[in-house]
Protein backbone atom coordinates (compact mmCIF):
# COMPACT_ATOMS: atom_id res chain seq x y z
CA MET A 1 216.39 37.51 158.43
CA SER A 2 218.13 34.92 156.13
CA ASN A 3 220.67 33.05 157.03
CA LYS A 4 222.76 33.42 154.37
CA ASP A 5 225.58 36.09 154.25
CA PRO A 6 224.61 39.51 153.73
CA LEU A 7 227.47 40.43 152.22
CA PHE A 8 227.94 37.25 149.37
CA VAL A 9 224.09 38.21 148.83
CA ALA A 10 224.70 41.68 147.93
CA LYS A 11 227.34 41.50 145.88
CA ILE A 12 225.51 39.03 144.10
CA LYS A 13 222.85 41.31 143.35
CA MET A 14 225.55 43.53 142.75
CA VAL A 15 226.80 41.87 140.35
CA LEU A 16 223.32 40.66 138.95
CA ALA A 17 222.88 45.07 138.32
CA VAL A 18 225.48 45.40 136.87
CA ILE A 19 224.88 42.38 134.59
CA PHE A 20 221.35 44.28 133.76
CA TRP A 21 222.61 47.95 132.52
CA GLY A 22 224.85 46.56 130.79
CA GLY A 23 222.29 45.80 128.05
CA SER A 24 220.55 48.28 128.51
CA PHE A 25 222.70 50.86 126.76
CA ILE A 26 222.17 48.55 123.72
CA ALA A 27 218.34 48.03 124.32
CA THR A 28 218.38 52.32 124.86
CA LYS A 29 220.70 52.64 121.55
CA VAL A 30 217.47 50.53 119.85
CA VAL A 31 214.80 52.64 120.76
CA VAL A 32 215.98 55.46 120.13
CA LEU A 33 215.92 55.28 117.18
CA GLU A 34 212.18 54.87 117.02
CA SER A 35 211.47 57.39 119.77
CA SER A 36 212.61 60.49 121.80
CA PRO A 37 214.68 59.85 124.86
CA VAL A 38 211.87 60.79 127.04
CA THR A 39 209.22 59.09 126.40
CA VAL A 40 211.74 55.91 126.47
CA VAL A 41 212.56 57.20 130.13
CA TRP A 42 209.03 57.28 130.81
CA LEU A 43 208.03 54.21 129.82
CA ARG A 44 210.67 51.77 131.95
CA PHE A 45 210.08 53.52 134.54
CA LEU A 46 206.02 53.57 134.31
CA ILE A 47 207.00 49.33 134.10
CA GLY A 48 209.27 49.21 136.85
CA LEU A 49 206.76 50.84 139.06
CA LEU A 50 204.24 48.74 137.85
CA CYS A 51 206.20 45.90 139.01
CA LEU A 52 207.17 47.22 142.41
CA PHE A 53 203.62 48.56 143.53
CA PRO A 54 201.71 45.32 144.24
CA ILE A 55 204.79 44.40 146.92
CA ILE A 56 204.76 47.97 148.16
CA LEU A 57 201.43 47.50 148.47
CA LYS A 58 201.57 43.76 150.13
CA LYS A 59 204.54 45.05 152.95
CA GLY A 60 202.28 48.31 153.57
CA LEU A 61 205.75 50.39 152.82
CA LEU A 62 203.20 53.34 151.37
CA LYS A 63 203.84 55.58 154.24
CA VAL A 64 206.13 58.47 154.25
CA SER A 65 206.97 60.65 157.14
CA GLY A 66 206.40 63.66 156.08
CA TRP A 67 207.67 66.60 153.70
CA LYS A 68 210.90 66.16 154.94
CA GLU A 69 211.10 62.94 153.19
CA ILE A 70 209.11 63.48 150.02
CA GLY A 71 211.92 66.25 149.17
CA GLU A 72 214.83 63.50 150.29
CA TYR A 73 213.31 60.95 147.68
CA ALA A 74 212.16 64.04 145.10
CA LEU A 75 215.84 64.80 145.39
CA LEU A 76 216.91 61.44 144.85
CA GLY A 77 214.52 60.95 141.95
CA PHE A 78 215.56 63.69 139.81
CA LEU A 79 219.42 63.26 140.21
CA GLY A 80 219.59 59.41 139.77
CA ILE A 81 215.79 58.94 137.64
CA SER A 82 215.38 61.63 135.84
CA LEU A 83 218.63 63.68 135.26
CA HIS A 84 220.28 60.54 134.77
CA GLN A 85 218.49 59.03 132.16
CA TRP A 86 217.84 62.03 130.43
CA LEU A 87 221.73 62.59 130.50
CA GLN A 88 222.38 58.57 129.29
CA SER A 89 219.07 58.55 127.09
CA THR A 90 219.98 62.00 125.22
CA GLY A 91 223.79 61.39 124.42
CA LEU A 92 223.05 57.24 122.75
CA VAL A 93 221.19 59.16 120.39
CA THR A 94 224.67 60.25 118.84
CA SER A 95 227.15 58.65 121.02
CA GLN A 96 228.14 54.52 119.95
CA ALA A 97 227.33 51.63 122.80
CA SER A 98 231.36 52.02 123.24
CA THR A 99 230.94 55.05 124.99
CA THR A 100 229.06 53.32 127.75
CA ALA A 101 232.78 52.36 128.35
CA TRP A 102 233.42 55.67 129.59
CA ILE A 103 230.23 56.02 131.93
CA VAL A 104 232.31 52.68 134.35
CA ALA A 105 235.67 54.13 133.57
CA SER A 106 234.84 57.82 135.40
CA MET A 107 231.95 56.51 137.68
CA PRO A 108 234.01 54.67 140.52
CA LEU A 109 236.63 57.01 140.79
CA PHE A 110 233.80 59.96 141.11
CA MET A 111 232.17 57.25 143.92
CA ILE A 112 235.32 56.86 146.05
CA LEU A 113 236.81 60.35 145.94
CA PHE A 114 233.04 61.47 147.34
CA GLY A 115 232.93 58.44 149.67
CA TRP A 116 236.58 59.61 150.53
CA ILE A 117 234.90 63.55 151.01
CA PHE A 118 232.67 63.06 152.06
CA LEU A 119 231.54 59.05 154.22
CA LYS A 120 235.58 59.42 155.07
CA GLU A 121 235.89 55.49 153.74
CA LYS A 122 239.13 54.47 153.84
CA LEU A 123 240.82 53.05 150.42
CA GLY A 124 244.11 50.83 151.13
CA LYS A 125 246.97 50.08 148.70
CA PHE A 126 245.15 47.01 147.26
CA GLY A 127 241.89 49.39 146.60
CA THR A 128 244.31 51.64 144.90
CA LEU A 129 246.02 49.34 142.93
CA GLY A 130 242.47 47.47 141.98
CA ILE A 131 241.45 51.27 140.59
CA GLY A 132 244.18 51.20 138.05
CA LEU A 133 243.90 48.23 137.08
CA ALA A 134 240.24 48.04 135.96
CA THR A 135 240.71 51.47 134.62
CA LEU A 136 243.53 50.10 133.03
CA GLY A 137 241.13 47.44 131.86
CA VAL A 138 238.44 49.18 130.49
CA LEU A 139 240.64 51.68 128.46
CA THR A 140 242.27 48.65 127.01
CA VAL A 141 238.15 47.12 125.51
CA VAL A 142 237.41 50.70 124.40
CA SER A 143 240.50 51.81 122.78
CA SER A 144 241.03 48.02 121.07
CA GLY A 145 244.35 48.57 122.87
CA ASN A 146 245.39 51.47 121.24
CA ILE A 147 244.59 53.26 124.55
CA GLY A 148 247.20 56.84 123.32
CA GLU A 149 244.60 56.83 120.20
CA LEU A 150 242.06 57.17 122.44
CA PHE A 151 242.75 60.04 124.31
CA ARG A 152 244.99 62.41 121.27
CA ASN A 153 241.19 61.87 119.35
CA GLY A 154 238.96 62.65 122.51
CA PHE A 155 235.22 62.84 122.19
CA GLY A 156 233.64 62.16 118.94
CA ALA A 157 230.12 62.11 118.97
CA PRO A 158 228.23 65.03 120.90
CA GLY A 159 226.71 62.85 122.81
CA ASP A 160 229.45 61.80 124.69
CA LEU A 161 229.97 64.59 126.84
CA LEU A 162 225.78 63.78 127.86
CA ILE A 163 227.43 60.67 128.41
CA LEU A 164 230.29 61.54 130.38
CA LEU A 165 228.33 64.51 132.77
CA SER A 166 226.42 61.19 133.59
CA ALA A 167 228.54 59.68 135.58
CA PRO A 168 229.52 62.58 138.51
CA ASN A 169 225.47 62.81 138.22
CA TRP A 170 225.73 58.86 140.05
CA ALA A 171 228.34 59.40 142.22
CA ILE A 172 226.48 61.80 144.13
CA TYR A 173 223.02 60.45 143.79
CA SER A 174 224.68 57.28 145.38
CA ILE A 175 226.77 59.29 148.15
CA LEU A 176 222.42 60.85 149.28
CA LEU A 177 220.72 57.44 149.15
CA ARG A 178 223.37 55.67 151.13
CA LYS A 179 222.56 57.75 153.71
CA THR A 180 218.73 57.30 152.78
CA LEU A 181 219.47 53.76 152.92
CA ARG A 182 220.75 53.89 157.03
CA ARG A 183 216.90 54.29 157.70
CA GLU A 184 214.64 52.98 155.02
CA SER A 185 214.36 49.58 153.76
CA ALA A 186 215.71 49.51 149.92
CA LEU A 187 212.73 48.26 148.23
CA LYS A 188 210.60 51.79 149.76
CA THR A 189 213.81 53.53 148.68
CA THR A 190 213.62 52.08 145.71
CA PHE A 191 209.95 52.69 145.35
CA PHE A 192 209.76 56.49 145.81
CA SER A 193 212.78 57.25 144.11
CA ILE A 194 211.76 56.01 140.52
CA LEU A 195 207.99 57.49 141.43
CA PHE A 196 209.45 61.13 141.92
CA GLY A 197 211.87 60.87 139.28
CA TRP A 198 209.13 59.52 136.41
CA LEU A 199 206.18 62.39 137.78
CA LEU A 200 209.33 64.68 136.55
CA THR A 201 209.74 63.12 133.80
CA SER A 202 206.21 63.02 133.44
CA ILE A 203 206.55 67.00 132.69
CA GLN A 204 207.94 66.67 129.81
CA PHE A 205 206.44 63.74 128.43
CA LEU A 206 202.90 65.65 128.82
CA PHE A 207 204.68 68.66 127.50
CA GLU A 208 206.08 66.64 124.05
CA LYS A 209 202.86 64.57 123.78
CA GLY A 210 205.38 62.08 123.95
CA TRP A 211 202.52 59.00 123.99
CA VAL A 212 202.28 60.16 119.76
CA GLU A 213 205.15 58.27 119.15
CA PHE A 214 204.13 54.96 120.78
CA GLN A 215 202.11 53.72 117.35
CA GLY A 216 206.24 54.20 115.58
CA LEU A 217 207.11 51.40 118.13
CA SER A 218 208.55 47.87 116.27
CA PHE A 219 208.45 44.72 117.97
CA PRO A 220 211.83 45.46 118.61
CA GLY A 221 211.50 48.43 119.74
CA TRP A 222 208.63 47.66 122.18
CA ALA A 223 211.07 44.30 123.77
CA SER A 224 213.71 46.79 124.69
CA ILE A 225 211.51 49.32 126.72
CA PHE A 226 210.17 45.69 128.33
CA TYR A 227 213.53 44.52 129.31
CA LEU A 228 214.61 48.39 130.34
CA GLY A 229 212.30 48.54 132.72
CA ILE A 230 211.86 45.13 134.40
CA PHE A 231 215.20 44.07 134.11
CA CYS A 232 217.30 47.41 134.28
CA THR A 233 214.60 49.36 136.52
CA PHE A 234 212.93 47.05 138.55
CA LEU A 235 215.32 43.78 139.54
CA ALA A 236 218.68 46.23 138.59
CA TYR A 237 217.34 49.12 140.85
CA VAL A 238 215.95 47.66 144.14
CA PHE A 239 219.43 44.84 143.58
CA TYR A 240 221.15 48.34 143.78
CA TYR A 241 220.10 49.78 146.50
CA ASP A 242 220.40 46.64 148.55
CA ALA A 243 224.05 46.51 147.79
CA LEU A 244 224.27 49.46 148.90
CA GLN A 245 222.97 49.35 152.41
CA LYS A 246 225.45 46.50 152.98
CA LEU A 247 228.39 47.14 150.58
CA SER A 248 231.32 50.75 151.04
CA SER A 249 231.15 53.28 148.23
CA ALA A 250 233.93 51.71 146.79
CA SER A 251 233.61 48.61 146.50
CA VAL A 252 230.38 49.46 144.71
CA GLY A 253 232.06 51.86 142.24
CA ALA A 254 233.97 48.86 141.53
CA TYR A 255 231.17 46.63 139.97
CA LEU A 256 230.29 48.79 137.52
CA TYR A 257 233.87 47.91 135.86
CA ILE A 258 232.36 44.73 134.78
CA GLU A 259 229.57 46.80 132.77
CA PRO A 260 231.23 46.53 130.22
CA VAL A 261 232.15 43.34 129.93
CA ALA A 262 228.27 42.59 129.63
CA THR A 263 228.02 44.89 127.78
CA MET A 264 230.47 43.32 125.55
CA LEU A 265 229.25 39.63 125.53
CA ILE A 266 225.33 40.73 125.14
CA ALA A 267 226.25 43.23 121.99
CA ALA A 268 228.24 39.74 120.37
CA VAL A 269 225.24 38.05 120.74
CA ILE A 270 222.40 40.89 120.04
CA LEU A 271 224.20 42.56 117.55
CA ASN A 272 226.80 40.17 116.23
CA GLU A 273 229.65 42.51 117.52
CA PRO A 274 233.29 40.06 117.51
CA ILE A 275 234.65 39.79 120.92
CA THR A 276 238.52 40.10 120.40
CA LEU A 277 241.62 39.08 122.07
CA VAL A 278 242.12 42.28 123.78
CA SER A 279 238.58 42.93 125.06
CA LEU A 280 239.10 39.93 126.71
CA MET A 281 242.43 40.87 128.27
CA GLY A 282 240.73 44.31 129.05
CA GLY A 283 238.24 42.49 130.66
CA ALA A 284 240.71 39.82 132.81
CA LEU A 285 242.39 42.92 133.93
CA ILE A 286 238.69 44.98 135.18
CA LEU A 287 238.06 41.26 137.34
CA THR A 288 241.15 41.57 138.79
CA GLY A 289 240.80 45.06 140.14
CA VAL A 290 237.26 44.85 141.68
CA SER A 291 238.66 41.39 142.83
CA LEU A 292 241.56 43.33 144.68
CA VAL A 293 239.01 46.49 145.46
CA ASN A 294 237.28 44.01 147.84
CA LYS A 295 239.94 42.58 149.25
CA SER A 296 240.65 46.27 150.15
CA THR A 297 237.28 47.44 151.61
CA ALA A 298 236.27 44.00 153.31
CA THR A 299 238.34 44.81 156.60
CA SER A 300 236.95 48.20 156.68
CA GLN A 301 233.11 47.12 155.80
CA LYS A 302 231.03 48.00 159.35
CA PHE A 303 227.38 47.68 160.14
CA THR A 304 227.41 48.97 162.80
CA ASP A 305 225.49 52.32 161.75
CA LEU A 306 222.88 50.07 160.19
CA ASN A 307 220.51 48.48 161.23
CA PRO A 308 219.66 44.62 160.44
CA GLU A 309 216.12 44.28 160.38
CA GLN A 310 216.38 46.43 157.57
CA PHE A 311 217.64 44.35 155.30
CA ILE A 312 215.65 42.38 152.89
CA ASP A 313 214.76 38.89 152.16
CA GLU A 314 214.58 38.76 148.46
């Protein structure tokens, strides 16, 4: 067990995970122009599995206790890998990268709601204020400062609805995931969830003969897939699972608000998109909201229902 503060380490990992995921929408947008969504998802998680397998083998975590545990991992794999990634990848075929802000604007709200309903988690006045400020910040970034116009026009692309549906799906997945992480390590849960999700995705991949599309991928396409596999799957999922062991649903959900800021910065570097004053103001509101939610949930954070020996020293 490391002598480092587990909460501090968990928060750093959560920040890195959302930064990696912030770039995932740009990478996915690049590669779905050259390949079908199912092929992108299949390759992405194959790479993630290949990265995880040597570590799982070395730590002796390949064993499962029985069919009940297999069913649990299969459900997590379906919700968090197969369904979630299909919704986002398919949605991004027609949606703009800025649609990601809709996702992170609604995900934390669903996570907090489900956390309150199913896990009896509390959210104080600072947390409520933080969620409000963060939501306002995200909407400011998305609408370029014209929030009213955003609500009047609604969703502009067919894929926007699929992107939005991924939000409550991820919230339900995270609630179920936290229950599993009370018994199992983040590393083992990451591996088997991805494994079963990848196996389920393989059914559609084989049916559609997705391997035929490999030859049509350009260098930027392959680079995007390796980024998705190594950073957005292998590292981000391990970091996210580990953070869920130690942070409340409200706190984890609030960190997702950082994602559109990361997307904006990465898009500026890769796609030469301008960073405006309105975007910076929205980003400031997002970070302030995250800080307030963490302040609200820090005093109520409990470790009594977790086994400290399950924490991983990466």
